[in-house]
N, C-alpha and C. Protein backbone atom coordinates (compact mmCIF):
# COMPACT_ATOMS: atom_id res chain seq x y z
N MET A 1 10.24 28.95 4.18
CA MET A 1 8.87 28.87 4.60
C MET A 1 7.93 28.69 3.41
N ARG A 2 8.33 29.23 2.26
CA ARG A 2 7.48 29.07 1.07
C ARG A 2 7.39 27.62 0.65
N TYR A 3 8.49 26.90 0.83
CA TYR A 3 8.49 25.49 0.47
C TYR A 3 7.46 24.73 1.29
N TRP A 4 7.42 24.98 2.60
CA TRP A 4 6.45 24.27 3.45
C TRP A 4 5.03 24.69 3.12
N ASN A 5 4.84 25.94 2.78
CA ASN A 5 3.51 26.41 2.40
C ASN A 5 3.07 25.73 1.11
N TRP A 6 3.98 25.61 0.14
CA TRP A 6 3.65 24.92 -1.10
C TRP A 6 3.34 23.45 -0.84
N TRP A 7 4.12 22.81 0.02
CA TRP A 7 3.92 21.41 0.34
C TRP A 7 2.56 21.21 1.01
N TRP A 8 2.22 22.08 1.95
CA TRP A 8 0.96 21.96 2.67
C TRP A 8 -0.22 22.17 1.71
N ARG A 9 -0.13 23.16 0.83
CA ARG A 9 -1.23 23.39 -0.13
C ARG A 9 -1.36 22.23 -1.11
N SER A 10 -0.25 21.63 -1.51
CA SER A 10 -0.30 20.46 -2.39
C SER A 10 -0.98 19.29 -1.70
N LEU A 11 -0.68 19.11 -0.44
CA LEU A 11 -1.30 18.04 0.33
C LEU A 11 -2.81 18.26 0.45
N ILE A 12 -3.22 19.46 0.78
CA ILE A 12 -4.64 19.77 0.91
C ILE A 12 -5.33 19.61 -0.44
N PHE A 13 -4.70 20.04 -1.53
CA PHE A 13 -5.27 19.90 -2.86
C PHE A 13 -5.47 18.43 -3.21
N SER A 14 -4.48 17.59 -2.92
CA SER A 14 -4.62 16.17 -3.25
C SER A 14 -5.68 15.49 -2.38
N ILE A 15 -5.82 15.92 -1.14
CA ILE A 15 -6.86 15.35 -0.28
C ILE A 15 -8.25 15.74 -0.79
N GLN A 16 -8.41 16.97 -1.21
CA GLN A 16 -9.72 17.45 -1.62
C GLN A 16 -10.16 16.90 -2.97
N TYR A 17 -9.25 16.78 -3.92
CA TYR A 17 -9.64 16.45 -5.28
C TYR A 17 -9.41 14.99 -5.66
N ASP A 18 -8.71 14.23 -4.85
CA ASP A 18 -8.53 12.81 -5.11
C ASP A 18 -8.41 12.05 -3.78
N PRO A 19 -9.51 12.01 -3.00
CA PRO A 19 -9.41 11.33 -1.70
C PRO A 19 -9.03 9.85 -1.79
N PRO A 20 -9.60 9.06 -2.72
CA PRO A 20 -9.16 7.65 -2.77
C PRO A 20 -7.68 7.50 -3.11
N GLY A 21 -7.19 8.33 -4.00
CA GLY A 21 -5.77 8.28 -4.34
C GLY A 21 -4.89 8.63 -3.16
N PHE A 22 -5.32 9.62 -2.39
CA PHE A 22 -4.55 10.02 -1.21
C PHE A 22 -4.51 8.88 -0.19
N VAL A 23 -5.64 8.22 0.02
CA VAL A 23 -5.69 7.11 0.97
C VAL A 23 -4.81 5.96 0.48
N GLU A 24 -4.83 5.70 -0.83
CA GLU A 24 -3.98 4.65 -1.37
C GLU A 24 -2.51 4.98 -1.18
N TYR A 25 -2.12 6.20 -1.45
CA TYR A 25 -0.72 6.60 -1.26
C TYR A 25 -0.32 6.53 0.21
N LEU A 26 -1.24 6.92 1.08
CA LEU A 26 -0.96 6.86 2.51
C LEU A 26 -0.78 5.41 2.96
N MET A 27 -1.67 4.52 2.49
CA MET A 27 -1.55 3.11 2.85
C MET A 27 -0.26 2.50 2.30
N MET A 28 0.11 2.88 1.08
CA MET A 28 1.35 2.36 0.51
C MET A 28 2.57 2.91 1.25
N SER A 29 2.49 4.14 1.72
CA SER A 29 3.59 4.70 2.51
C SER A 29 3.75 3.94 3.83
N PHE A 30 2.63 3.65 4.49
CA PHE A 30 2.68 2.86 5.72
C PHE A 30 3.22 1.46 5.45
N ALA A 31 2.78 0.86 4.33
CA ALA A 31 3.25 -0.48 3.99
C ALA A 31 4.75 -0.47 3.73
N LEU A 32 5.22 0.55 3.02
CA LEU A 32 6.66 0.65 2.76
C LEU A 32 7.45 0.83 4.05
N GLY A 33 6.96 1.70 4.92
CA GLY A 33 7.64 1.92 6.20
C GLY A 33 7.68 0.66 7.06
N LEU A 34 6.56 -0.04 7.13
CA LEU A 34 6.53 -1.27 7.92
C LEU A 34 7.36 -2.37 7.28
N GLY A 35 7.39 -2.41 5.95
CA GLY A 35 8.24 -3.39 5.27
C GLY A 35 9.71 -3.13 5.54
N MET A 36 10.10 -1.86 5.55
CA MET A 36 11.49 -1.52 5.87
C MET A 36 11.81 -1.86 7.32
N LYS A 37 10.86 -1.61 8.20
CA LYS A 37 11.07 -1.95 9.62
C LYS A 37 11.23 -3.46 9.77
N TRP A 38 10.42 -4.24 9.04
CA TRP A 38 10.54 -5.70 9.10
C TRP A 38 11.88 -6.15 8.53
N PHE A 39 12.36 -5.48 7.49
CA PHE A 39 13.63 -5.86 6.87
C PHE A 39 14.79 -5.73 7.86
N PHE A 40 14.75 -4.69 8.69
CA PHE A 40 15.85 -4.46 9.62
C PHE A 40 15.69 -5.19 10.94
N SER A 41 14.45 -5.44 11.36
CA SER A 41 14.21 -6.25 12.56
C SER A 41 13.07 -7.21 12.25
N PRO A 42 13.40 -8.43 11.79
CA PRO A 42 12.38 -9.35 11.29
C PRO A 42 11.47 -9.91 12.38
N GLU A 43 10.48 -9.15 12.72
CA GLU A 43 9.43 -9.60 13.64
C GLU A 43 8.14 -9.67 12.85
N TRP A 44 7.37 -10.73 13.03
CA TRP A 44 6.24 -11.00 12.17
C TRP A 44 5.14 -9.94 12.18
N PRO A 45 4.87 -9.19 13.26
CA PRO A 45 3.78 -8.20 13.17
C PRO A 45 4.02 -7.12 12.12
N TYR A 46 5.28 -6.75 11.89
CA TYR A 46 5.57 -5.73 10.88
C TYR A 46 5.22 -6.23 9.48
N LEU A 47 5.52 -7.49 9.21
CA LEU A 47 5.21 -8.06 7.90
C LEU A 47 3.71 -8.24 7.71
N VAL A 48 3.00 -8.62 8.77
CA VAL A 48 1.55 -8.78 8.68
C VAL A 48 0.88 -7.43 8.41
N LEU A 49 1.29 -6.41 9.14
CA LEU A 49 0.70 -5.09 8.92
C LEU A 49 1.04 -4.53 7.55
N SER A 50 2.27 -4.74 7.11
CA SER A 50 2.66 -4.28 5.78
C SER A 50 1.83 -4.96 4.71
N SER A 51 1.66 -6.27 4.82
CA SER A 51 0.86 -7.00 3.84
C SER A 51 -0.61 -6.59 3.88
N SER A 52 -1.12 -6.30 5.06
CA SER A 52 -2.51 -5.87 5.17
C SER A 52 -2.72 -4.51 4.51
N PHE A 53 -1.80 -3.61 4.71
CA PHE A 53 -1.89 -2.31 4.04
C PHE A 53 -1.80 -2.46 2.52
N VAL A 54 -0.95 -3.36 2.06
CA VAL A 54 -0.80 -3.59 0.62
C VAL A 54 -2.09 -4.16 0.04
N ILE A 55 -2.70 -5.10 0.74
CA ILE A 55 -3.96 -5.68 0.26
C ILE A 55 -5.04 -4.60 0.19
N GLY A 56 -5.15 -3.80 1.23
CA GLY A 56 -6.15 -2.72 1.23
C GLY A 56 -5.94 -1.72 0.12
N SER A 57 -4.71 -1.36 -0.12
CA SER A 57 -4.41 -0.41 -1.18
C SER A 57 -4.67 -1.00 -2.56
N ALA A 58 -4.30 -2.25 -2.76
CA ALA A 58 -4.52 -2.89 -4.05
C ALA A 58 -6.00 -3.05 -4.35
N ILE A 59 -6.78 -3.44 -3.37
CA ILE A 59 -8.22 -3.58 -3.58
C ILE A 59 -8.86 -2.23 -3.82
N SER A 60 -8.41 -1.21 -3.11
CA SER A 60 -8.94 0.13 -3.34
C SER A 60 -8.63 0.63 -4.75
N MET A 61 -7.41 0.38 -5.23
CA MET A 61 -7.05 0.78 -6.59
C MET A 61 -7.87 0.02 -7.62
N TRP A 62 -8.09 -1.26 -7.37
CA TRP A 62 -8.85 -2.08 -8.30
C TRP A 62 -10.31 -1.63 -8.37
N VAL A 63 -10.92 -1.38 -7.22
CA VAL A 63 -12.32 -0.93 -7.19
C VAL A 63 -12.45 0.45 -7.84
N ARG A 64 -11.53 1.35 -7.55
CA ARG A 64 -11.57 2.68 -8.15
C ARG A 64 -11.46 2.60 -9.67
N GLU A 65 -10.61 1.71 -10.15
CA GLU A 65 -10.44 1.56 -11.59
C GLU A 65 -11.67 0.93 -12.23
N LEU A 66 -12.35 0.05 -11.51
CA LEU A 66 -13.58 -0.53 -12.04
C LEU A 66 -14.72 0.47 -12.08
N MET A 67 -14.77 1.35 -11.09
CA MET A 67 -15.87 2.31 -11.02
C MET A 67 -15.65 3.51 -11.93
N MET A 68 -14.41 3.98 -12.02
CA MET A 68 -14.07 5.13 -12.85
C MET A 68 -12.88 4.77 -13.73
N PRO A 69 -13.10 4.14 -14.88
CA PRO A 69 -11.97 3.74 -15.73
C PRO A 69 -11.15 4.94 -16.19
N SER A 70 -9.87 4.73 -16.26
CA SER A 70 -8.97 5.79 -16.72
C SER A 70 -8.13 5.26 -17.88
N SER A 71 -7.28 6.10 -18.41
CA SER A 71 -6.43 5.71 -19.53
C SER A 71 -5.28 4.81 -19.10
N ARG A 72 -5.00 4.76 -17.83
CA ARG A 72 -3.88 3.96 -17.32
C ARG A 72 -4.34 2.64 -16.70
N LYS A 73 -5.46 2.11 -17.17
CA LYS A 73 -6.04 0.91 -16.60
C LYS A 73 -5.10 -0.30 -16.63
N PRO A 74 -4.42 -0.59 -17.74
CA PRO A 74 -3.52 -1.77 -17.72
C PRO A 74 -2.40 -1.64 -16.69
N MET A 75 -1.86 -0.45 -16.53
CA MET A 75 -0.80 -0.24 -15.56
C MET A 75 -1.31 -0.43 -14.13
N VAL A 76 -2.49 0.09 -13.85
CA VAL A 76 -3.06 -0.04 -12.51
C VAL A 76 -3.37 -1.50 -12.20
N LEU A 77 -3.95 -2.21 -13.15
CA LEU A 77 -4.26 -3.62 -12.92
C LEU A 77 -3.00 -4.46 -12.75
N ALA A 78 -1.96 -4.16 -13.51
CA ALA A 78 -0.69 -4.88 -13.35
C ALA A 78 -0.08 -4.60 -11.98
N SER A 79 -0.14 -3.35 -11.53
CA SER A 79 0.44 -3.04 -10.22
C SER A 79 -0.37 -3.66 -9.10
N THR A 80 -1.69 -3.74 -9.25
CA THR A 80 -2.49 -4.40 -8.20
C THR A 80 -2.17 -5.89 -8.15
N LEU A 81 -1.95 -6.51 -9.29
CA LEU A 81 -1.58 -7.92 -9.29
C LEU A 81 -0.21 -8.13 -8.63
N LEU A 82 0.73 -7.24 -8.89
CA LEU A 82 2.04 -7.33 -8.23
C LEU A 82 1.93 -7.13 -6.73
N LEU A 83 1.11 -6.18 -6.32
CA LEU A 83 0.94 -5.94 -4.89
C LEU A 83 0.28 -7.13 -4.20
N LEU A 84 -0.73 -7.70 -4.84
CA LEU A 84 -1.37 -8.87 -4.26
C LEU A 84 -0.43 -10.07 -4.24
N ALA A 85 0.43 -10.20 -5.24
CA ALA A 85 1.43 -11.27 -5.23
C ALA A 85 2.41 -11.09 -4.08
N TYR A 86 2.79 -9.84 -3.82
CA TYR A 86 3.67 -9.56 -2.67
C TYR A 86 3.00 -9.97 -1.36
N SER A 87 1.75 -9.61 -1.19
CA SER A 87 1.08 -9.92 0.07
C SER A 87 0.86 -11.41 0.23
N VAL A 88 0.51 -12.11 -0.84
CA VAL A 88 0.33 -13.56 -0.75
C VAL A 88 1.67 -14.24 -0.43
N SER A 89 2.73 -13.79 -1.07
CA SER A 89 4.04 -14.41 -0.79
C SER A 89 4.50 -14.13 0.63
N SER A 90 4.20 -12.96 1.16
CA SER A 90 4.60 -12.69 2.54
C SER A 90 3.77 -13.50 3.52
N PHE A 91 2.49 -13.72 3.23
CA PHE A 91 1.69 -14.57 4.12
C PHE A 91 2.13 -16.03 4.03
N VAL A 92 2.55 -16.47 2.86
CA VAL A 92 3.09 -17.83 2.73
C VAL A 92 4.39 -17.95 3.52
N TYR A 93 5.22 -16.94 3.43
CA TYR A 93 6.47 -16.92 4.21
C TYR A 93 6.16 -17.00 5.70
N LEU A 94 5.19 -16.23 6.15
CA LEU A 94 4.83 -16.25 7.56
C LEU A 94 4.28 -17.61 7.97
N ALA A 95 3.43 -18.20 7.13
CA ALA A 95 2.86 -19.50 7.47
C ALA A 95 3.94 -20.57 7.53
N ARG A 96 4.90 -20.49 6.65
CA ARG A 96 5.96 -21.48 6.62
C ARG A 96 6.91 -21.33 7.81
N ASN A 97 7.21 -20.10 8.20
CA ASN A 97 8.25 -19.89 9.22
C ASN A 97 7.72 -19.73 10.64
N TYR A 98 6.47 -19.33 10.81
CA TYR A 98 5.99 -19.04 12.15
C TYR A 98 4.80 -19.89 12.58
N ALA A 99 4.27 -20.74 11.74
CA ALA A 99 3.03 -21.46 12.07
C ALA A 99 3.24 -22.52 13.14
N PHE A 100 4.37 -23.19 13.14
CA PHE A 100 4.54 -24.32 14.03
C PHE A 100 5.37 -24.02 15.28
N TYR A 101 5.72 -22.77 15.47
CA TYR A 101 6.58 -22.45 16.61
C TYR A 101 5.79 -22.13 17.86
N LYS A 102 4.59 -21.61 17.75
CA LYS A 102 3.86 -21.21 18.96
C LYS A 102 2.46 -21.73 18.96
């Protein structure tokens, strides 16, 4: 029971003291879950939702870094570029494979 209490307090602490970071982690968790779901059952809505969550998280990280610069700025900017590259490539994949079928 102590483990769950520690986990719950850690969650509340992260929500209170870093709300944008918590939202970014939550969006990335949803994106990862939907990406895994798409990997095992390739239906286009899972990939669209995953890419949308990735775009939202990347833009949120980029805006947060512009407003409040930190010491890890190069790493954050590199990861946002990678995330945006993932979302653009998945939308290109969708356009190539699903645009002319329906």
